[in-house]
Amino acid sequence: MRISVPLAAMISGFLALSAAAVEVGFGSAEITPEVGGDADKVWIAGYGMGRSATGVHDPLFARAVVLRDPEAGGKVALVSVDLVGLQRPAVQRVRVRLPGYEHVLVSSTHNHEGPDVIGIWGPNPLRSGVGPGYIEQVIEGCVNAVRAAERGLRQATARYGVAADASLLGDSRLPVVKEDQLRALRFTGEDGEAAGLVVIWNCHPEAMGPDNRELTADFPAATIAALEAEHGCPVAYFTGTVGGLLAPPDGVIRDQGGTLLKEGDWEYMKRYGEAVAALANEAIDAGEEVELTPFRIARRAVRIPVQNKLYRAGFLGGVLDRQAYVWEGAARDGARFHKVKHALRTMAIETEVGYWQLGEVGLAAIPGEIYPELVTGDFQDPADAGADFPDAPLEPTVVSLMPTERWGLIGLAADEVGYIIPRRQWDREPPYAYGRGKAQYGELNSCGPETASILLEALATAVAEARR
């Protein structure tokens, strides 16, 4: 029997699809809080305290990607929220409401123009900025986004691609080190049309700066809008490496007439987001087909000491509403809760590190803002003599731990524990590094100098567990 060309193409396409197929679904749910009224002001996170919202420029979302293995039947979910840093206790509540999943990861974009979900950006140091009922609204949004994604599951193939552009990143802390690789996954359905995109980029969503008073998802909203318009499919944006301190650049983004734009301008936000979308298209064009099954996922719960005096005060004063423990040391960490009577004892919080082996692609899940040196291995060597621990041993790096050529890193994954800083770069005491008269910004929003080694050792363990 002679097979027509269209039928032959269909059969060929089916065989190719079935060889590398995964089931994928995308879903979203709005999580914008209601703005208005003096009684329940919405306090904007990300810069100084006391910045209340006056309106909404664009809505905030929880965006979910559900993957299902057609052969094994297991399913997993990745969720991105347009927030500064959803805390682990809330993520755990999302998981409880989604039984039947091998794993659910909720990551924050680290948006500096959304509502406070941690507590430290309220009207004053003694009052939390978390609005009543808002965390429950976010949890509900995450659950609804995952359920919507599950309802839309369809068979698809995946392509993984990478593109780099260091000019799209500013780094306001010495030494200047950038993680300038954007990673993208493009899913194609049986009909040959795009089924969805996943984008991971390494930049603080703070294009609108500290003076803005309207809620916005910042530049990821423009990136997503541009990609959805071009590809005709849903897009999920995730933040990767943002420590050190990677942010939208100065002196690069221009308007249509060629005039340089600056932080705090809506046109700057839009055009920067579109520039990131253009870079994502480069990654998509360079993509190669990958297998995303089977799933092998490992998660490690760890405790890290909170040596930051401001954080400790926030916990003891109730501004940071999260369980703390008495730190007994990493090897003999007990279960005693840290209370006011333990005020002189070092406290610890429990967080988690994860590793996702999705077929040929590995994903590191890091619960904070990791510095690029800890990802790429581009350490300054020797360290500046003014640093507090210039001779400290180097931590293992993410790239050295990844067992696959194709990989990605999701930051603020399941938690936000602040900056994750190489110990050699820690600099709180004079004399300061680089001949500066004061400390650089970073340590002020870090739990402490031991954080990096604890989390990266946990990642190494998780990778080993997932690969068994």
Protein backbone atom coordinates (compact mmCIF):
# COMPACT_ATOMS: atom_id res chain seq x y z
CA MET A 1 0.00 0.00 0.00
CA ARG A 2 1.31 3.44 -0.90
CA ILE A 3 1.32 5.95 1.96
CA SER A 4 0.63 9.56 1.04
CA VAL A 5 3.18 12.20 1.99
CA PRO A 6 0.94 13.88 4.60
CA LEU A 7 0.16 10.53 6.22
CA ALA A 8 3.82 9.55 6.19
CA ALA A 9 4.67 12.85 7.88
CA MET A 10 2.00 12.22 10.50
CA ILE A 11 3.36 8.74 11.22
CA SER A 12 6.92 10.07 11.41
CA GLY A 13 5.81 12.86 13.69
CA PHE A 14 3.94 10.43 15.93
CA LEU A 15 6.94 8.13 16.25
CA ALA A 16 9.22 11.06 17.10
CA LEU A 17 6.70 12.39 19.62
CA SER A 18 6.14 9.08 21.34
CA ALA A 19 9.90 8.56 21.66
CA ALA A 20 10.46 11.71 23.70
CA ALA A 21 7.00 12.63 24.94
CA VAL A 22 5.96 13.98 28.29
CA GLU A 23 2.57 15.25 29.34
CA VAL A 24 2.59 18.95 30.19
CA GLY A 25 0.00 21.46 31.29
CA PHE A 26 0.14 25.16 32.12
CA GLY A 27 -2.21 27.08 34.40
CA SER A 28 -2.44 30.40 36.20
CA ALA A 29 -4.43 32.14 38.90
CA GLU A 30 -4.43 35.79 39.86
CA ILE A 31 -3.09 36.65 43.32
CA THR A 32 -3.36 40.46 43.28
CA PRO A 33 -4.47 41.76 46.69
CA GLU A 34 -7.24 44.32 46.94
CA VAL A 35 -5.81 47.82 47.25
CA GLY A 36 -7.73 50.58 48.98
CA GLY A 37 -8.63 51.79 52.44
CA ASP A 38 -6.48 52.87 55.36
CA ALA A 39 -7.34 49.96 57.65
CA ASP A 40 -5.73 47.25 55.56
CA LYS A 41 -3.00 48.92 53.55
CA VAL A 42 -0.95 46.78 51.20
CA TRP A 43 2.71 47.22 52.06
CA ILE A 44 5.07 46.80 49.11
CA ALA A 45 8.11 44.59 49.65
CA GLY A 46 11.65 44.81 48.43
CA TYR A 47 13.20 48.10 49.54
CA GLY A 48 12.56 50.13 52.69
CA MET A 49 9.57 49.72 54.96
CA GLY A 50 6.49 51.94 54.93
CA ARG A 51 5.81 51.90 51.16
CA SER A 52 2.06 51.41 50.80
CA ALA A 53 0.40 50.60 47.49
CA THR A 54 -1.82 53.23 45.87
CA GLY A 55 -3.06 51.10 42.98
CA VAL A 56 -2.44 48.23 40.61
CA HIS A 57 -0.53 48.69 37.35
CA ASP A 58 -0.74 45.05 36.26
CA PRO A 59 -2.02 41.91 38.02
CA LEU A 60 0.08 39.43 39.95
CA PHE A 61 -0.14 35.73 39.19
CA ALA A 62 0.72 32.25 40.32
CA ARG A 63 1.77 30.34 37.20
CA ALA A 64 2.05 26.56 37.25
CA VAL A 65 3.62 23.90 35.06
CA VAL A 66 2.54 20.30 35.62
CA LEU A 67 4.56 17.44 34.14
CA ARG A 68 3.33 13.87 33.99
CA ASP A 69 5.25 10.78 32.98
CA PRO A 70 2.99 8.92 30.50
CA GLU A 71 4.61 5.58 31.33
CA ALA A 72 5.16 5.73 35.08
CA GLY A 73 2.16 7.96 35.74
CA GLY A 74 3.86 10.19 38.31
CA LYS A 75 3.30 13.92 38.18
CA VAL A 76 5.15 16.97 39.49
CA ALA A 77 4.35 20.69 39.60
CA LEU A 78 6.46 23.84 39.35
CA VAL A 79 4.81 27.09 40.43
CA SER A 80 6.10 30.65 40.08
CA VAL A 81 4.55 33.52 42.04
CA ASP A 82 5.03 37.26 41.40
CA LEU A 83 6.19 37.86 44.97
CA VAL A 84 9.33 38.82 46.87
CA GLY A 85 9.73 35.46 48.62
CA LEU A 86 6.96 33.12 49.74
CA GLN A 87 8.09 31.37 52.91
CA ARG A 88 8.43 27.60 53.33
CA PRO A 89 5.54 27.19 55.80
CA ALA A 90 3.15 28.55 53.14
CA VAL A 91 4.69 26.30 50.48
CA GLN A 92 4.16 23.30 52.73
CA ARG A 93 0.49 24.23 53.02
CA VAL A 94 0.23 24.30 49.23
CA ARG A 95 1.65 20.77 49.08
CA VAL A 96 -0.82 19.45 51.63
CA ARG A 97 -3.67 20.63 49.43
CA LEU A 98 -2.27 18.90 46.35
CA PRO A 99 -2.16 15.19 47.20
CA GLY A 100 -1.07 12.79 44.49
CA TYR A 101 1.98 14.78 43.39
CA GLU A 102 5.47 13.39 43.71
CA HIS A 103 6.63 16.91 44.39
CA VAL A 104 5.36 20.49 44.24
CA LEU A 105 7.83 23.37 44.12
CA VAL A 106 6.69 26.96 44.61
CA SER A 107 9.25 29.61 43.68
CA SER A 108 9.05 33.40 43.89
CA THR A 109 10.26 35.72 41.15
CA HIS A 110 11.59 37.99 43.94
CA ASN A 111 9.39 40.83 42.74
CA HIS A 112 10.20 44.11 44.52
CA GLU A 113 6.89 45.70 43.54
CA GLY A 114 4.45 43.23 45.09
CA PRO A 115 2.99 42.82 48.58
CA ASP A 116 5.06 41.87 51.60
CA VAL A 117 4.78 38.13 52.30
CA ILE A 118 7.66 37.95 54.78
CA GLY A 119 6.87 40.71 57.29
CA ILE A 120 9.83 43.10 57.23
CA TRP A 121 8.34 45.81 55.01
CA GLY A 122 5.47 47.00 57.19
CA PRO A 123 4.83 50.55 58.39
CA ASN A 124 7.49 50.33 61.10
CA PRO A 125 9.99 47.84 62.56
CA LEU A 126 7.47 46.58 65.10
CA ARG A 127 4.63 45.74 62.73
CA SER A 128 4.54 43.08 60.05
CA GLY A 129 3.74 44.11 56.49
CA VAL A 130 1.88 40.89 55.70
CA GLY A 131 -1.77 41.67 55.05
CA PRO A 132 -4.48 39.72 56.89
CA GLY A 133 -5.60 36.77 54.83
CA TYR A 134 -3.20 37.42 51.98
CA ILE A 135 -1.00 34.34 52.50
CA GLU A 136 -4.15 32.20 52.30
CA GLN A 137 -5.06 33.98 49.06
CA VAL A 138 -1.64 33.11 47.63
CA ILE A 139 -1.91 29.49 48.74
CA GLU A 140 -5.33 29.24 47.11
CA GLY A 141 -3.93 30.80 43.94
CA CYS A 142 -1.08 28.29 43.78
CA VAL A 143 -3.44 25.37 44.24
CA ASN A 144 -5.84 26.69 41.60
CA ALA A 145 -3.00 27.27 39.14
CA VAL A 146 -1.76 23.69 39.56
CA ARG A 147 -5.25 22.26 39.17
CA ALA A 148 -5.79 24.33 36.02
CA ALA A 149 -2.48 23.07 34.64
CA GLU A 150 -3.44 19.49 35.40
CA ARG A 151 -6.74 19.89 33.57
CA GLY A 152 -4.79 21.04 30.52
CA LEU A 153 -2.30 18.15 30.42
CA ARG A 154 -1.38 17.16 26.88
CA GLN A 155 1.32 15.11 25.25
CA ALA A 156 4.27 17.13 24.03
CA THR A 157 7.95 17.04 23.22
CA ALA A 158 10.44 19.40 24.83
CA ARG A 159 13.42 21.37 23.58
CA TYR A 160 16.03 22.90 25.92
CA GLY A 161 18.08 25.91 24.91
CA VAL A 162 20.48 28.47 26.39
CA ALA A 163 21.41 32.03 25.40
CA ALA A 164 23.65 34.55 27.17
CA ASP A 165 23.89 38.33 27.32
CA ALA A 166 25.90 39.91 30.12
CA SER A 167 24.86 43.41 28.99
CA LEU A 168 21.33 42.74 30.28
CA LEU A 169 22.59 42.44 33.84
CA GLY A 170 23.95 45.02 36.23
CA ASP A 171 26.03 43.96 39.24
CA SER A 172 26.19 46.52 42.04
CA ARG A 173 28.60 44.60 44.28
CA LEU A 174 32.31 43.90 43.91
CA PRO A 175 33.67 41.67 42.57
CA VAL A 176 31.56 41.90 39.41
CA VAL A 177 30.46 38.36 38.59
CA LYS A 178 27.40 37.58 36.47
CA GLU A 179 25.43 34.46 35.67
CA ASP A 180 24.27 35.64 32.27
CA GLN A 181 22.76 32.47 30.82
CA LEU A 182 19.03 32.37 30.18
CA ARG A 183 17.61 28.85 30.00
CA ALA A 184 14.38 27.92 28.26
CA LEU A 185 12.19 24.88 27.67
CA ARG A 186 9.77 24.90 24.74
CA PHE A 187 6.99 22.32 24.66
CA THR A 188 5.43 21.35 21.34
CA GLY A 189 2.12 19.52 21.14
CA GLU A 190 1.08 16.72 18.81
CA ASP A 191 -0.34 19.32 16.44
CA GLY A 192 3.09 20.90 16.02
CA GLU A 193 2.05 24.07 17.84
CA ALA A 194 3.75 25.51 20.92
CA ALA A 195 2.19 24.09 24.09
CA GLY A 196 4.08 26.30 26.54
CA LEU A 197 7.38 27.88 27.51
CA VAL A 198 9.45 27.82 30.70
CA VAL A 199 12.02 30.61 31.10
CA ILE A 200 14.68 30.94 33.81
CA TRP A 201 16.56 34.26 34.04
CA ASN A 202 18.92 35.67 36.65
CA CYS A 203 17.78 39.19 37.51
CA HIS A 204 16.06 41.02 40.36
CA PRO A 205 12.59 42.18 39.24
CA GLU A 206 13.18 45.75 40.40
CA ALA A 207 13.04 47.80 37.20
CA MET A 208 10.48 50.12 38.79
CA GLY A 209 12.67 50.99 41.76
CA PRO A 210 11.87 52.09 45.32
CA ASP A 211 9.62 55.06 44.52
CA ASN A 212 6.91 53.15 42.68
CA ARG A 213 3.62 52.77 44.58
CA GLU A 214 1.60 50.67 42.13
CA LEU A 215 1.59 46.89 42.37
CA THR A 216 3.20 45.25 39.37
CA ALA A 217 4.94 42.01 38.48
CA ASP A 218 7.76 44.24 37.13
CA PHE A 219 9.66 43.26 34.00
CA PRO A 220 8.67 39.54 34.02
CA ALA A 221 5.15 40.69 33.13
CA ALA A 222 6.50 42.32 29.97
CA THR A 223 8.69 39.30 29.20
CA ILE A 224 5.74 36.94 29.52
CA ALA A 225 3.43 39.20 27.48
CA ALA A 226 5.93 39.44 24.63
CA LEU A 227 6.57 35.69 24.52
CA GLU A 228 2.90 34.76 24.78
CA ALA A 229 2.04 37.13 21.92
CA GLU A 230 4.78 35.72 19.70
CA HIS A 231 4.38 32.01 20.43
CA GLY A 232 0.66 31.85 21.16
CA CYS A 233 1.10 29.73 24.26
CA PRO A 234 1.35 30.15 28.05
CA VAL A 235 4.68 31.12 29.62
CA ALA A 236 6.01 30.42 33.11
CA TYR A 237 8.88 32.65 34.25
CA PHE A 238 11.25 31.57 37.04
CA THR A 239 14.06 33.48 38.74
CA GLY A 240 17.46 31.82 38.94
CA THR A 241 20.70 33.30 40.31
CA VAL A 242 20.14 36.84 41.62
CA GLY A 243 22.62 37.32 44.46
CA GLY A 244 25.62 39.51 44.18
CA LEU A 245 23.55 41.75 43.18
CA LEU A 246 22.18 41.07 39.70
CA ALA A 247 19.58 43.59 38.54
CA PRO A 248 18.42 45.43 35.39
CA PRO A 249 21.35 47.44 33.99
CA ASP A 250 21.96 51.17 33.70
CA GLY A 251 22.89 52.77 30.39
CA VAL A 252 21.59 49.97 28.17
CA ILE A 253 17.82 50.17 27.63
CA ARG A 254 16.56 52.81 25.20
CA ASP A 255 13.17 53.97 23.99
CA GLN A 256 12.05 53.89 20.37
CA GLY A 257 13.80 57.17 19.68
CA GLY A 258 17.10 55.99 21.14
CA THR A 259 16.92 57.89 24.44
CA LEU A 260 18.37 56.04 27.42
CA LEU A 261 15.77 54.94 29.95
CA LYS A 262 16.25 54.59 33.69
CA GLU A 263 14.93 52.61 36.62
CA GLY A 264 11.52 53.76 37.80
CA ASP A 265 10.09 54.35 34.32
CA TRP A 266 7.26 52.14 33.04
CA GLU A 267 8.76 52.26 29.56
CA TYR A 268 12.09 51.10 30.96
CA MET A 269 10.36 48.17 32.66
CA LYS A 270 8.52 47.21 29.47
CA ARG A 271 11.51 47.47 27.17
CA TYR A 272 13.80 45.61 29.53
CA GLY A 273 11.23 42.83 29.79
CA GLU A 274 11.03 42.70 26.02
CA ALA A 275 14.83 42.51 25.79
CA VAL A 276 14.73 39.49 28.10
CA ALA A 277 12.02 37.99 25.85
CA ALA A 278 14.30 38.49 22.83
CA LEU A 279 17.08 36.65 24.66
CA ALA A 280 14.61 33.89 25.48
CA ASN A 281 13.83 33.59 21.78
CA GLU A 282 17.52 33.10 21.10
CA ALA A 283 17.55 30.25 23.61
CA ILE A 284 14.42 28.76 22.06
CA ASP A 285 15.91 28.95 18.56
CA ALA A 286 19.06 27.22 19.81
CA GLY A 287 17.08 24.51 21.59
CA GLU A 288 17.64 20.79 21.18
CA GLU A 289 15.12 18.05 21.86
CA VAL A 290 15.42 16.50 25.32
CA GLU A 291 13.81 13.69 27.26
CA LEU A 292 12.12 14.93 30.46
CA THR A 293 11.27 11.53 31.89
CA PRO A 294 11.70 9.66 34.13
CA PHE A 295 11.42 11.93 37.18
CA ARG A 296 13.88 11.48 40.03
CA ILE A 297 13.54 14.11 42.74
CA ALA A 298 15.22 14.47 46.12
CA ARG A 299 14.59 17.08 48.78
CA ARG A 300 16.69 17.74 51.88
CA ALA A 301 15.39 19.64 54.90
CA VAL A 302 18.20 21.55 56.60
CA ARG A 303 18.58 24.08 59.36
CA ILE A 304 20.74 27.14 59.01
CA PRO A 305 21.87 29.42 61.85
CA VAL A 306 20.40 32.91 61.94
CA GLN A 307 23.29 35.13 62.99
CA ASN A 308 21.73 38.27 61.51
CA LYS A 309 20.77 40.48 64.47
CA LEU A 310 17.93 42.20 62.60
CA TYR A 311 16.40 38.88 61.60
CA ARG A 312 16.73 37.61 65.18
CA ALA A 313 14.94 40.70 66.48
CA GLY A 314 12.20 40.18 63.91
CA PHE A 315 11.67 36.58 65.01
CA LEU A 316 11.65 37.42 68.71
CA GLY A 317 9.35 40.41 68.15
CA GLY A 318 6.87 38.41 66.09
CA VAL A 319 7.36 40.45 62.92
CA LEU A 320 8.78 37.35 61.24
CA ASP A 321 6.04 34.79 61.80
CA ARG A 322 7.96 31.57 61.45
CA GLN A 323 9.17 28.82 63.75
CA ALA A 324 12.75 29.15 64.91
CA TYR A 325 14.93 26.58 66.65
CA VAL A 326 17.85 26.66 69.05
CA TRP A 327 20.97 26.13 66.96
CA GLU A 328 22.99 23.21 68.27
CA GLY A 329 25.38 22.95 65.34
CA ALA A 330 24.84 21.28 62.01
CA ALA A 331 25.87 17.83 63.21
CA ARG A 332 23.74 17.80 66.37
CA ASP A 333 20.84 20.07 65.58
CA GLY A 334 18.10 19.52 68.13
CA ALA A 335 14.37 20.19 68.04
CA ARG A 336 14.03 22.82 70.76
CA PHE A 337 12.06 25.86 69.71
CA HIS A 338 13.83 29.20 70.08
CA LYS A 339 11.89 31.44 72.45
CA VAL A 340 12.50 34.75 74.21
CA LYS A 341 14.24 32.93 77.07
CA HIS A 342 16.80 31.76 74.51
CA ALA A 343 17.47 35.31 73.29
CA LEU A 344 21.22 34.94 73.80
CA ARG A 345 21.38 31.61 71.98
CA THR A 346 21.89 31.38 68.23
CA MET A 347 18.65 30.53 66.50
CA ALA A 348 18.08 28.53 63.35
CA ILE A 349 15.36 28.16 60.76
CA GLU A 350 14.47 25.07 58.79
CA THR A 351 14.51 25.31 55.03
CA GLU A 352 15.06 22.89 52.17
CA VAL A 353 17.21 22.22 49.12
CA GLY A 354 16.08 20.12 46.19
CA TYR A 355 17.33 18.46 43.05
CA TRP A 356 15.07 17.52 40.15
CA GLN A 357 16.32 15.06 37.56
CA LEU A 358 13.80 15.37 34.75
CA GLY A 359 15.11 12.94 32.17
CA GLU A 360 18.13 14.63 30.60
CA VAL A 361 17.64 17.95 32.44
CA GLY A 362 18.70 18.66 36.01
CA LEU A 363 17.22 21.43 38.15
CA ALA A 364 18.76 22.70 41.38
CA ALA A 365 16.20 24.19 43.78
CA ILE A 366 17.87 26.75 46.05
CA PRO A 367 15.87 28.54 48.79
CA GLY A 368 17.22 32.07 48.44
CA GLU A 369 19.34 34.51 46.44
CA ILE A 370 22.52 32.63 45.64
CA TYR A 371 25.61 34.53 44.54
CA PRO A 372 26.79 33.74 41.00
CA GLU A 373 30.25 32.65 42.19
CA LEU A 374 28.57 29.76 44.00
CA VAL A 375 26.89 28.74 40.76
CA THR A 376 29.56 29.21 38.11
CA GLY A 377 32.75 28.85 40.18
CA ASP A 378 34.07 32.27 39.11
CA PHE A 379 35.52 33.06 42.55
CA GLN A 380 37.96 35.88 43.02
CA ASP A 381 41.20 34.13 43.91
CA PRO A 382 42.87 35.14 46.07
CA ALA A 383 40.06 36.84 47.94
CA ASP A 384 40.44 40.48 48.89
CA ALA A 385 42.46 40.69 52.11
CA GLY A 386 39.86 43.01 53.64
CA ALA A 387 37.18 40.33 53.63
CA ASP A 388 36.39 38.75 56.99
CA PHE A 389 37.38 35.19 55.96
CA PRO A 390 39.76 35.57 52.98
CA ASP A 391 41.31 32.14 53.53
CA ALA A 392 38.07 30.21 53.95
CA PRO A 393 37.77 27.07 51.82
CA LEU A 394 35.68 27.44 48.69
CA GLU A 395 32.21 25.98 48.73
CA PRO A 396 31.21 23.36 46.14
CA THR A 397 29.57 25.07 43.17
CA VAL A 398 26.27 24.29 41.53
CA VAL A 399 27.85 23.66 38.14
CA SER A 400 30.31 21.18 39.68
CA LEU A 401 27.44 19.28 41.31
CA MET A 402 25.18 19.08 38.26
CA PRO A 403 25.44 15.58 36.76
CA THR A 404 23.88 16.58 33.44
CA GLU A 405 25.05 18.84 30.64
CA ARG A 406 21.62 20.44 30.45
CA TRP A 407 20.63 22.00 33.74
CA GLY A 408 19.03 24.98 35.39
CA LEU A 409 18.76 26.63 38.78
CA ILE A 410 15.56 27.89 40.35
CA GLY A 411 16.19 30.42 43.10
CA LEU A 412 13.90 31.35 45.97
CA ALA A 413 12.70 27.76 45.64
CA ALA A 414 10.23 26.78 48.37
CA ASP A 415 11.60 29.57 50.59
CA GLU A 416 13.44 32.89 50.83
CA VAL A 417 16.33 32.82 53.30
CA GLY A 418 18.06 35.91 51.93
CA TYR A 419 21.48 36.22 50.30
CA ILE A 420 23.64 33.12 50.02
CA ILE A 421 27.17 34.55 50.05
CA PRO A 422 30.55 32.82 49.57
CA ARG A 423 32.29 32.78 52.93
CA ARG A 424 35.42 34.26 51.35
CA GLN A 425 33.38 37.27 50.31
CA TRP A 426 31.73 37.88 53.69
CA ASP A 427 32.61 41.42 54.78
CA ARG A 428 30.95 42.92 57.85
CA GLU A 429 33.96 44.01 59.89
CA PRO A 430 36.62 46.65 59.10
CA PRO A 431 38.93 46.93 57.32
CA TYR A 432 36.53 46.51 54.43
CA ALA A 433 37.34 44.85 51.13
CA TYR A 434 38.37 46.87 48.09
CA GLY A 435 39.48 49.80 50.29
CA ARG A 436 35.91 50.84 50.96
CA GLY A 437 34.95 52.96 53.94
CA LYS A 438 31.93 50.82 54.75
CA ALA A 439 30.57 47.36 54.08
CA GLN A 440 28.91 46.59 50.78
CA TYR A 441 25.24 45.71 50.66
CA GLY A 442 24.44 42.01 50.96
CA GLU A 443 25.24 40.70 54.43
CA LEU A 444 22.46 42.89 55.83
CA ASN A 445 19.98 40.49 54.24
CA SER A 446 21.76 37.19 54.83
CA CYS A 447 21.25 34.73 57.67
CA GLY A 448 25.01 34.39 58.10
CA PRO A 449 28.35 33.27 56.63
CA GLU A 450 27.64 29.54 57.13
CA THR A 451 24.54 29.57 54.93
CA ALA A 452 26.27 28.85 51.62
CA SER A 453 28.24 25.81 52.74
CA ILE A 454 25.24 24.23 54.49
CA LEU A 455 22.94 24.66 51.50
CA LEU A 456 25.47 23.49 48.90
CA GLU A 457 26.39 20.44 50.93
CA ALA A 458 22.66 19.66 51.11
CA LEU A 459 22.43 20.07 47.33
CA ALA A 460 25.28 17.59 46.87
CA THR A 461 23.41 15.09 49.03
CA ALA A 462 20.16 15.65 47.15
CA VAL A 463 21.87 15.12 43.79
CA ALA A 464 23.38 11.86 45.03
CA GLU A 465 20.02 10.67 46.34
CA ALA A 466 18.21 11.50 43.10
CA ARG A 467 20.84 9.68 41.03
CA ARG A 468 20.69 6.39 42.96
